[in-house]
């Protein structure tokens, strides 16, 4: 459920980039900072709390190492910019 502050944020901002790579997000935010564009960064786990808890229980019952051979808990990063800055930010980050 979104709070009032979240709704205002989403109304005034537009999503610029979504990625699972922290390196890519660092590149994007560096470009935005260098060009004086304010941004917001939101991070969510790709697998929610309940899913992670269920995974833990399943792996514990099977006596397996959790996420063995995988990247482990993955996060999704979302970069937002003000609507008025969106086109400029998109050109800077993504090119023409």
PDB file of N, CA and C in Angstrom:
ATOM      1  N   UNK A   1       0.845  -1.175   0.000  1.00  0.00           N
ATOM      2  CA  UNK A   1       0.000   0.000   0.000  1.00  0.00           C
ATOM      3  C   UNK A   1       0.892   1.241   0.000  1.00  0.00           C
ATOM      4  N   UNK A   2       0.608   2.161  -0.848  1.00  0.00           N
ATOM      5  CA  UNK A   2       1.390   3.389  -0.937  1.00  0.00           C
ATOM      6  C   UNK A   2       0.864   4.417   0.045  1.00  0.00           C
ATOM      7  N   UNK A   3       1.782   5.121   0.691  1.00  0.00           N
ATOM      8  CA  UNK A   3       1.392   6.200   1.598  1.00  0.00           C
ATOM      9  C   UNK A   3       1.180   7.470   0.786  1.00  0.00           C
ATOM     10  N   UNK A   4       0.679   8.506   1.436  1.00  0.00           N
ATOM     11  CA  UNK A   4       0.460   9.778   0.764  1.00  0.00           C
ATOM     12  C   UNK A   4       1.747  10.351   0.202  1.00  0.00           C
ATOM     13  N   UNK A   5       2.840  10.230   0.961  1.00  0.00           N
ATOM     14  CA  UNK A   5       4.136  10.725   0.495  1.00  0.00           C
ATOM     15  C   UNK A   5       4.606   9.993  -0.745  1.00  0.00           C
ATOM     16  N   UNK A   6       4.361   8.677  -0.790  1.00  0.00           N
ATOM     17  CA  UNK A   6       4.738   7.898  -1.964  1.00  0.00           C
ATOM     18  C   UNK A   6       3.944   8.328  -3.190  1.00  0.00           C
ATOM     19  N   UNK A   7       2.660   8.591  -2.996  1.00  0.00           N
ATOM     20  CA  UNK A   7       1.820   9.008  -4.119  1.00  0.00           C
ATOM     21  C   UNK A   7       2.271  10.353  -4.674  1.00  0.00           C
ATOM     22  N   UNK A   8       2.607  11.279  -3.784  1.00  0.00           N
ATOM     23  CA  UNK A   8       3.096  12.587  -4.228  1.00  0.00           C
ATOM     24  C   UNK A   8       4.411  12.425  -4.980  1.00  0.00           C
ATOM     25  N   UNK A   9       5.312  11.573  -4.440  1.00  0.00           N
ATOM     26  CA  UNK A   9       6.598  11.320  -5.097  1.00  0.00           C
ATOM     27  C   UNK A   9       6.374  10.787  -6.511  1.00  0.00           C
ATOM     28  N   UNK A  10       5.500   9.785  -6.646  1.00  0.00           N
ATOM     29  CA  UNK A  10       5.260   9.177  -7.950  1.00  0.00           C
ATOM     30  C   UNK A  10       4.573  10.146  -8.914  1.00  0.00           C
ATOM     31  N   UNK A  11       3.771  11.052  -8.393  1.00  0.00           N
ATOM     32  CA  UNK A  11       3.108  12.037  -9.238  1.00  0.00           C
ATOM     33  C   UNK A  11       4.109  13.045  -9.800  1.00  0.00           C
ATOM     34  N   UNK A  12       5.089  13.432  -8.991  1.00  0.00           N
ATOM     35  CA  UNK A  12       6.058  14.451  -9.398  1.00  0.00           C
ATOM     36  C   UNK A  12       7.276  13.888 -10.130  1.00  0.00           C
ATOM     37  N   UNK A  13       7.496  12.580 -10.028  1.00  0.00           N
ATOM     38  CA  UNK A  13       8.686  11.960 -10.604  1.00  0.00           C
ATOM     39  C   UNK A  13       8.306  10.909 -11.640  1.00  0.00           C
ATOM     40  N   UNK A  14       9.273  10.586 -12.475  1.00  0.00           N
ATOM     41  CA  UNK A  14       9.082   9.574 -13.504  1.00  0.00           C
ATOM     42  C   UNK A  14      10.233   8.573 -13.430  1.00  0.00           C
ATOM     43  N   UNK A  15       9.910   7.317 -13.629  1.00  0.00           N
ATOM     44  CA  UNK A  15      10.918   6.262 -13.558  1.00  0.00           C
ATOM     45  C   UNK A  15      11.841   6.357 -14.763  1.00  0.00           C
ATOM     46  N   UNK A  16      13.134   6.476 -14.498  1.00  0.00           N
ATOM     47  CA  UNK A  16      14.137   6.603 -15.565  1.00  0.00           C
ATOM     48  C   UNK A  16      14.744   5.254 -15.915  1.00  0.00           C
ATOM     49  N   UNK A  17      15.142   4.491 -14.904  1.00  0.00           N
ATOM     50  CA  UNK A  17      15.860   3.235 -15.119  1.00  0.00           C
ATOM     51  C   UNK A  17      15.425   2.215 -14.072  1.00  0.00           C
ATOM     52  N   UNK A  18      15.324   0.960 -14.503  1.00  0.00           N
ATOM     53  CA  UNK A  18      15.143  -0.169 -13.589  1.00  0.00           C
ATOM     54  C   UNK A  18      16.230  -1.169 -13.948  1.00  0.00           C
ATOM     55  N   UNK A  19      16.950  -1.666 -12.932  1.00  0.00           N
ATOM     56  CA  UNK A  19      18.020  -2.624 -13.210  1.00  0.00           C
ATOM     57  C   UNK A  19      18.301  -3.447 -11.964  1.00  0.00           C
ATOM     58  N   UNK A  20      18.908  -4.607 -12.136  1.00  0.00           N
ATOM     59  CA  UNK A  20      19.331  -5.437 -11.014  1.00  0.00           C
ATOM     60  C   UNK A  20      20.831  -5.301 -10.763  1.00  0.00           C
ATOM     61  N   UNK A  21      21.514  -4.558 -11.608  1.00  0.00           N
ATOM     62  CA  UNK A  21      22.959  -4.380 -11.485  1.00  0.00           C
ATOM     63  C   UNK A  21      23.271  -3.113 -10.694  1.00  0.00           C
ATOM     64  N   UNK A  22      23.916  -3.273  -9.555  1.00  0.00           N
ATOM     65  CA  UNK A  22      24.289  -2.102  -8.762  1.00  0.00           C
ATOM     66  C   UNK A  22      25.337  -1.260  -9.490  1.00  0.00           C
ATOM     67  N   UNK A  23      26.161  -1.907 -10.315  1.00  0.00           N
ATOM     68  CA  UNK A  23      27.164  -1.178 -11.083  1.00  0.00           C
ATOM     69  C   UNK A  23      26.499  -0.256 -12.102  1.00  0.00           C
ATOM     70  N   UNK A  24      25.463  -0.739 -12.762  1.00  0.00           N
ATOM     71  CA  UNK A  24      24.750   0.082 -13.743  1.00  0.00           C
ATOM     72  C   UNK A  24      24.046   1.246 -13.052  1.00  0.00           C
ATOM     73  N   UNK A  25      23.463   0.995 -11.908  1.00  0.00           N
ATOM     74  CA  UNK A  25      22.790   2.060 -11.171  1.00  0.00           C
ATOM     75  C   UNK A  25      23.808   3.103 -10.707  1.00  0.00           C
ATOM     76  N   UNK A  26      24.989   2.664 -10.303  1.00  0.00           N
ATOM     77  CA  UNK A  26      26.047   3.601  -9.912  1.00  0.00           C
ATOM     78  C   UNK A  26      26.457   4.465 -11.102  1.00  0.00           C
ATOM     79  N   UNK A  27      26.539   3.871 -12.289  1.00  0.00           N
ATOM     80  CA  UNK A  27      26.870   4.624 -13.502  1.00  0.00           C
ATOM     81  C   UNK A  27      25.806   5.684 -13.776  1.00  0.00           C
ATOM     82  N   UNK A  28      24.544   5.283 -13.699  1.00  0.00           N
ATOM     83  CA  UNK A  28      23.427   6.192 -13.978  1.00  0.00           C
ATOM     84  C   UNK A  28      23.402   7.339 -12.974  1.00  0.00           C
ATOM     85  N   UNK A  29      23.504   7.018 -11.690  1.00  0.00           N
ATOM     86  CA  UNK A  29      23.429   8.077 -10.674  1.00  0.00           C
ATOM     87  C   UNK A  29      24.635   9.013 -10.751  1.00  0.00           C
ATOM     88  N   UNK A  30      25.788   8.494 -11.144  1.00  0.00           N
ATOM     89  CA  UNK A  30      26.972   9.353 -11.330  1.00  0.00           C
ATOM     90  C   UNK A  30      26.737  10.366 -12.444  1.00  0.00           C
ATOM     91  N   UNK A  31      26.166   9.900 -13.545  1.00  0.00           N
ATOM     92  CA  UNK A  31      25.868  10.793 -14.663  1.00  0.00           C
ATOM     93  C   UNK A  31      24.884  11.870 -14.226  1.00  0.00           C
ATOM     94  N   UNK A  32      23.858  11.471 -13.488  1.00  0.00           N
ATOM     95  CA  UNK A  32      22.856  12.436 -13.032  1.00  0.00           C
ATOM     96  C   UNK A  32      23.478  13.461 -12.087  1.00  0.00           C
ATOM     97  N   UNK A  33      24.323  13.000 -11.167  1.00  0.00           N
ATOM     98  CA  UNK A  33      24.985  13.916 -10.234  1.00  0.00           C
ATOM     99  C   UNK A  33      25.911  14.889 -10.962  1.00  0.00           C
ATOM    100  N   UNK A  34      26.679  14.381 -11.917  1.00  0.00           N
ATOM    101  CA  UNK A  34      27.602  15.229 -12.672  1.00  0.00           C
ATOM    102  C   UNK A  34      26.876  16.332 -13.430  1.00  0.00           C
ATOM    103  N   UNK A  35      25.619  16.083 -13.794  1.00  0.00           N
ATOM    104  CA  UNK A  35      24.846  17.040 -14.575  1.00  0.00           C
ATOM    105  C   UNK A  35      23.817  17.788 -13.736  1.00  0.00           C
ATOM    106  N   UNK A  36      23.906  17.656 -12.424  1.00  0.00           N
ATOM    107  CA  UNK A  36      23.047  18.427 -11.528  1.00  0.00           C
ATOM    108  C   UNK A  36      21.578  18.053 -11.566  1.00  0.00           C
ATOM    109  N   UNK A  37      21.278  16.808 -11.880  1.00  0.00           N
ATOM    110  CA  UNK A  37      19.889  16.356 -11.928  1.00  0.00           C
ATOM    111  C   UNK A  37      19.582  15.595 -10.637  1.00  0.00           C
ATOM    112  N   UNK A  38      18.580  16.072  -9.900  1.00  0.00           N
ATOM    113  CA  UNK A  38      18.161  15.384  -8.680  1.00  0.00           C
ATOM    114  C   UNK A  38      17.456  14.086  -9.051  1.00  0.00           C
ATOM    115  N   UNK A  39      17.665  13.075  -8.236  1.00  0.00           N
ATOM    116  CA  UNK A  39      17.048  11.777  -8.499  1.00  0.00           C
ATOM    117  C   UNK A  39      16.648  11.120  -7.190  1.00  0.00           C
ATOM    118  N   UNK A  40      15.773  10.150  -7.308  1.00  0.00           N
ATOM    119  CA  UNK A  40      15.386   9.315  -6.173  1.00  0.00           C
ATOM    120  C   UNK A  40      15.722   7.881  -6.511  1.00  0.00           C
ATOM    121  N   UNK A  41      16.151   7.133  -5.524  1.00  0.00           N
ATOM    122  CA  UNK A  41      16.523   5.734  -5.734  1.00  0.00           C
ATOM    123  C   UNK A  41      15.687   4.871  -4.814  1.00  0.00           C
ATOM    124  N   UNK A  42      15.018   3.893  -5.386  1.00  0.00           N
ATOM    125  CA  UNK A  42      14.225   2.942  -4.613  1.00  0.00           C
ATOM    126  C   UNK A  42      14.809   1.554  -4.842  1.00  0.00           C
ATOM    127  N   UNK A  43      14.863   0.775  -3.790  1.00  0.00           N
ATOM    128  CA  UNK A  43      15.410  -0.577  -3.862  1.00  0.00           C
ATOM    129  C   UNK A  43      14.406  -1.550  -3.266  1.00  0.00           C
ATOM    130  N   UNK A  44      14.134  -2.627  -3.973  1.00  0.00           N
ATOM    131  CA  UNK A  44      13.260  -3.687  -3.460  1.00  0.00           C
ATOM    132  C   UNK A  44      13.932  -5.029  -3.730  1.00  0.00           C
ATOM    133  N   UNK A  45      13.639  -5.978  -2.872  1.00  0.00           N
ATOM    134  CA  UNK A  45      14.142  -7.329  -3.115  1.00  0.00           C
ATOM    135  C   UNK A  45      13.296  -7.978  -4.193  1.00  0.00           C
ATOM    136  N   UNK A  46      13.954  -8.683  -5.100  1.00  0.00           N
ATOM    137  CA  UNK A  46      13.237  -9.362  -6.171  1.00  0.00           C
ATOM    138  C   UNK A  46      12.327 -10.443  -5.596  1.00  0.00           C
ATOM    139  N   UNK A  47      12.744 -11.030  -4.529  1.00  0.00           N
ATOM    140  CA  UNK A  47      11.937 -12.036  -3.834  1.00  0.00           C
ATOM    141  C   UNK A  47      11.576 -11.415  -2.502  1.00  0.00           C
ATOM    142  N   UNK A  48      10.307 -11.243  -2.212  1.00  0.00           N
ATOM    143  CA  UNK A  48       9.847 -10.577  -1.003  1.00  0.00           C
ATOM    144  C   UNK A  48      10.195 -11.315   0.272  1.00  0.00           C
ATOM    145  N   UNK A  49       9.805 -10.748   1.385  1.00  0.00           N
ATOM    146  CA  UNK A  49      10.124 -11.311   2.700  1.00  0.00           C
ATOM    147  C   UNK A  49       9.529 -12.698   2.889  1.00  0.00           C
ATOM    148  N   UNK A  50       8.283 -12.867   2.479  1.00  0.00           N
ATOM    149  CA  UNK A  50       7.629 -14.164   2.650  1.00  0.00           C
ATOM    150  C   UNK A  50       8.301 -15.213   1.771  1.00  0.00           C
ATOM    151  N   UNK A  51       8.602 -14.859   0.531  1.00  0.00           N
ATOM    152  CA  UNK A  51       9.273 -15.793  -0.371  1.00  0.00           C
ATOM    153  C   UNK A  51      10.647 -16.192   0.135  1.00  0.00           C
ATOM    154  N   UNK A  52      11.390 -15.221   0.672  1.00  0.00           N
ATOM    155  CA  UNK A  52      12.709 -15.510   1.230  1.00  0.00           C
ATOM    156  C   UNK A  52      12.598 -16.428   2.432  1.00  0.00           C
ATOM    157  N   UNK A  53      11.608 -16.190   3.279  1.00  0.00           N
ATOM    158  CA  UNK A  53      11.399 -17.041   4.454  1.00  0.00           C
ATOM    159  C   UNK A  53      11.035 -18.464   4.028  1.00  0.00           C
ATOM    160  N   UNK A  54      10.185 -18.599   3.029  1.00  0.00           N
ATOM    161  CA  UNK A  54       9.824 -19.928   2.536  1.00  0.00           C
ATOM    162  C   UNK A  54      11.042 -20.641   1.939  1.00  0.00           C
ATOM    163  N   UNK A  55      11.859 -19.898   1.204  1.00  0.00           N
ATOM    164  CA  UNK A  55      13.093 -20.479   0.666  1.00  0.00           C
ATOM    165  C   UNK A  55      13.976 -20.998   1.791  1.00  0.00           C
ATOM    166  N   UNK A  56      14.130 -20.210   2.849  1.00  0.00           N
ATOM    167  CA  UNK A  56      14.973 -20.601   3.987  1.00  0.00           C
ATOM    168  C   UNK A  56      14.474 -21.887   4.616  1.00  0.00           C
ATOM    169  N   UNK A  57      13.176 -21.977   4.821  1.00  0.00           N
ATOM    170  CA  UNK A  57      12.602 -23.182   5.413  1.00  0.00           C
ATOM    171  C   UNK A  57      12.816 -24.398   4.522  1.00  0.00           C
ATOM    172  N   UNK A  58      12.606 -24.236   3.240  1.00  0.00           N
ATOM    173  CA  UNK A  58      12.768 -25.341   2.290  1.00  0.00           C
ATOM    174  C   UNK A  58      14.204 -25.826   2.260  1.00  0.00           C
ATOM    175  N   UNK A  59      15.153 -24.896   2.183  1.00  0.00           N
ATOM    176  CA  UNK A  59      16.566 -25.275   2.146  1.00  0.00           C
ATOM    177  C   UNK A  59      16.997 -25.903   3.470  1.00  0.00           C
ATOM    178  N   UNK A  60      16.478 -25.403   4.587  1.00  0.00           N
ATOM    179  CA  UNK A  60      16.838 -25.966   5.896  1.00  0.00           C
ATOM    180  C   UNK A  60      16.330 -27.398   6.020  1.00  0.00           C
ATOM    181  N   UNK A  61      15.108 -27.649   5.574  1.00  0.00           N
ATOM    182  CA  UNK A  61      14.536 -29.011   5.637  1.00  0.00           C
ATOM    183  C   UNK A  61      15.334 -29.981   4.781  1.00  0.00           C
ATOM    184  N   UNK A  62      15.835 -29.504   3.652  1.00  0.00           N
ATOM    185  CA  UNK A  62      16.579 -30.368   2.737  1.00  0.00           C
ATOM    186  C   UNK A  62      18.059 -30.417   3.073  1.00  0.00           C
ATOM    187  N   UNK A  63      18.480 -29.618   4.077  1.00  0.00           N
ATOM    188  CA  UNK A  63      19.869 -29.531   4.494  1.00  0.00           C
ATOM    189  C   UNK A  63      20.775 -29.136   3.323  1.00  0.00           C
ATOM    190  N   UNK A  64      20.342 -28.133   2.569  1.00  0.00           N
ATOM    191  CA  UNK A  64      21.101 -27.617   1.428  1.00  0.00           C
ATOM    192  C   UNK A  64      21.587 -26.212   1.734  1.00  0.00           C
ATOM    193  N   UNK A  65      22.679 -25.841   1.101  1.00  0.00           N
ATOM    194  CA  UNK A  65      23.145 -24.457   1.225  1.00  0.00           C
ATOM    195  C   UNK A  65      22.179 -23.572   0.448  1.00  0.00           C
ATOM    196  N   UNK A  66      21.718 -22.502   1.093  1.00  0.00           N
ATOM    197  CA  UNK A  66      20.745 -21.633   0.449  1.00  0.00           C
ATOM    198  C   UNK A  66      21.381 -20.896  -0.710  1.00  0.00           C
ATOM    199  N   UNK A  67      20.712 -20.901  -1.855  1.00  0.00           N
ATOM    200  CA  UNK A  67      21.135 -20.214  -3.064  1.00  0.00           C
ATOM    201  C   UNK A  67      22.510 -20.676  -3.546  1.00  0.00           C
ATOM    202  N   UNK A  68      22.873 -21.924  -3.270  1.00  0.00           N
ATOM    203  CA  UNK A  68      24.165 -22.441  -3.708  1.00  0.00           C
ATOM    204  C   UNK A  68      24.278 -22.354  -5.228  1.00  0.00           C
ATOM    205  N   UNK A  69      25.346 -21.715  -5.675  1.00  0.00           N
ATOM    206  CA  UNK A  69      25.570 -21.582  -7.106  1.00  0.00           C
ATOM    207  C   UNK A  69      24.766 -20.470  -7.754  1.00  0.00           C
ATOM    208  N   UNK A  70      24.003 -19.743  -6.977  1.00  0.00           N
ATOM    209  CA  UNK A  70      23.229 -18.643  -7.559  1.00  0.00           C
ATOM    210  C   UNK A  70      23.763 -17.319  -7.033  1.00  0.00           C
ATOM    211  N   UNK A  71      23.171 -16.256  -7.480  1.00  0.00           N
ATOM    212  CA  UNK A  71      23.628 -14.928  -7.076  1.00  0.00           C
ATOM    213  C   UNK A  71      23.088 -14.537  -5.708  1.00  0.00           C
ATOM    214  N   UNK A  72      22.279 -15.369  -5.083  1.00  0.00           N
ATOM    215  CA  UNK A  72      21.744 -15.034  -3.772  1.00  0.00           C
ATOM    216  C   UNK A  72      20.581 -14.073  -3.875  1.00  0.00           C
ATOM    217  N   UNK A  73      20.353 -13.337  -2.813  1.00  0.00           N
ATOM    218  CA  UNK A  73      19.263 -12.371  -2.823  1.00  0.00           C
ATOM    219  C   UNK A  73      19.532 -11.312  -3.867  1.00  0.00           C
ATOM    220  N   UNK A  74      18.578 -11.119  -4.732  1.00  0.00           N
ATOM    221  CA  UNK A  74      18.747 -10.134  -5.788  1.00  0.00           C
ATOM    222  C   UNK A  74      17.862  -8.930  -5.499  1.00  0.00           C
ATOM    223  N   UNK A  75      18.373  -7.761  -5.798  1.00  0.00           N
ATOM    224  CA  UNK A  75      17.655  -6.523  -5.570  1.00  0.00           C
ATOM    225  C   UNK A  75      17.336  -5.869  -6.904  1.00  0.00           C
ATOM    226  N   UNK A  76      16.225  -5.172  -6.939  1.00  0.00           N
ATOM    227  CA  UNK A  76      15.832  -4.403  -8.111  1.00  0.00           C
ATOM    228  C   UNK A  76      15.957  -2.934  -7.731  1.00  0.00           C
ATOM    229  N   UNK A  77      16.712  -2.189  -8.532  1.00  0.00           N
ATOM    230  CA  UNK A  77      16.951  -0.773  -8.278  1.00  0.00           C
ATOM    231  C   UNK A  77      16.152   0.050  -9.282  1.00  0.00           C
ATOM    232  N   UNK A  78      15.499   1.102  -8.788  1.00  0.00           N
ATOM    233  CA  UNK A  78      14.712   1.992  -9.641  1.00  0.00           C
ATOM    234  C   UNK A  78      15.165   3.425  -9.404  1.00  0.00           C
ATOM    235  N   UNK A  79      15.505   4.111 -10.485  1.00  0.00           N
ATOM    236  CA  UNK A  79      15.932   5.505 -10.400  1.00  0.00           C
ATOM    237  C   UNK A  79      14.817   6.377 -10.967  1.00  0.00           C
ATOM    238  N   UNK A  80      14.415   7.360 -10.169  1.00  0.00           N
ATOM    239  CA  UNK A  80      13.368   8.303 -10.572  1.00  0.00           C
ATOM    240  C   UNK A  80      13.970   9.693 -10.700  1.00  0.00           C
ATOM    241  N   UNK A  81      13.459  10.458 -11.644  1.00  0.00           N
ATOM    242  CA  UNK A  81      13.846  11.858 -11.787  1.00  0.00           C
ATOM    243  C   UNK A  81      12.562  12.689 -11.878  1.00  0.00           C
ATOM    244  N   UNK A  82      12.707  13.992 -11.648  1.00  0.00           N
ATOM    245  CA  UNK A  82      11.552  14.871 -11.800  1.00  0.00           C
ATOM    246  C   UNK A  82      11.061  14.821 -13.238  1.00  0.00           C
ATOM    247  N   UNK A  83       9.787  14.930 -13.404  1.00  0.00           N
ATOM    248  CA  UNK A  83       9.201  14.859 -14.752  1.00  0.00           C
ATOM    249  C   UNK A  83       9.811  15.902 -15.688  1.00  0.00           C
ATOM    250  N   UNK A  84      10.075  17.083 -15.169  1.00  0.00           N
ATOM    251  CA  UNK A  84      10.629  18.145 -16.019  1.00  0.00           C
ATOM    252  C   UNK A  84      12.070  17.838 -16.456  1.00  0.00           C
ATOM    253  N   UNK A  85      12.782  16.972 -15.716  1.00  0.00           N
ATOM    254  CA  UNK A  85      14.162  16.607 -16.046  1.00  0.00           C
ATOM    255  C   UNK A  85      14.265  15.297 -16.818  1.00  0.00           C
ATOM    256  N   UNK A  86      13.143  14.636 -17.040  1.00  0.00           N
ATOM    257  CA  UNK A  86      13.157  13.281 -17.588  1.00  0.00           C
ATOM    258  C   UNK A  86      13.837  13.192 -18.963  1.00  0.00           C
ATOM    259  N   UNK A  87      13.436  14.019 -19.908  1.00  0.00           N
ATOM    260  CA  UNK A  87      13.984  13.926 -21.271  1.00  0.00           C
ATOM    261  C   UNK A  87      15.492  14.164 -21.284  1.00  0.00           C
ATOM    262  N   UNK A  88      15.938  15.149 -20.536  1.00  0.00           N
ATOM    263  CA  UNK A  88      17.381  15.443 -20.473  1.00  0.00           C
ATOM    264  C   UNK A  88      18.132  14.274 -19.839  1.00  0.00           C
ATOM    265  N   UNK A  89      17.592  13.754 -18.733  1.00  0.00           N
ATOM    266  CA  UNK A  89      18.226  12.628 -18.046  1.00  0.00           C
ATOM    267  C   UNK A  89      18.268  11.397 -18.942  1.00  0.00           C
ATOM    268  N   UNK A  90      17.191  11.146 -19.668  1.00  0.00           N
ATOM    269  CA  UNK A  90      17.134   9.996 -20.567  1.00  0.00           C
ATOM    270  C   UNK A  90      18.195  10.118 -21.661  1.00  0.00           C
ATOM    271  N   UNK A  91      18.340  11.312 -22.224  1.00  0.00           N
ATOM    272  CA  UNK A  91      19.362  11.528 -23.256  1.00  0.00           C
ATOM    273  C   UNK A  91      20.765  11.315 -22.703  1.00  0.00           C
ATOM    274  N   UNK A  92      21.013  11.800 -21.489  1.00  0.00           N
ATOM    275  CA  UNK A  92      22.329  11.658 -20.883  1.00  0.00           C
ATOM    276  C   UNK A  92      22.664  10.193 -20.572  1.00  0.00           C
ATOM    277  N   UNK A  93      21.703   9.486 -20.039  1.00  0.00           N
ATOM    278  CA  UNK A  93      21.949   8.117 -19.559  1.00  0.00           C
ATOM    279  C   UNK A  93      21.877   7.106 -20.694  1.00  0.00           C
ATOM    280  N   UNK A  94      20.884   7.243 -21.552  1.00  0.00           N
ATOM    281  CA  UNK A  94      20.649   6.236 -22.581  1.00  0.00           C
ATOM    282  C   UNK A  94      21.171   6.619 -23.958  1.00  0.00           C
ATOM    283  N   UNK A  95      21.510   7.883 -24.127  1.00  0.00           N
ATOM    284  CA  UNK A  95      21.943   8.339 -25.447  1.00  0.00           C
ATOM    285  C   UNK A  95      20.752   8.567 -26.332  1.00  0.00           C
ATOM    286  N   UNK A  96      21.006   8.979 -27.563  1.00  0.00           N
ATOM    287  CA  UNK A  96      19.901   9.258 -28.502  1.00  0.00           C
ATOM    288  C   UNK A  96      19.464   8.029 -29.235  1.00  0.00           C
TER     289      UNK A  96
END
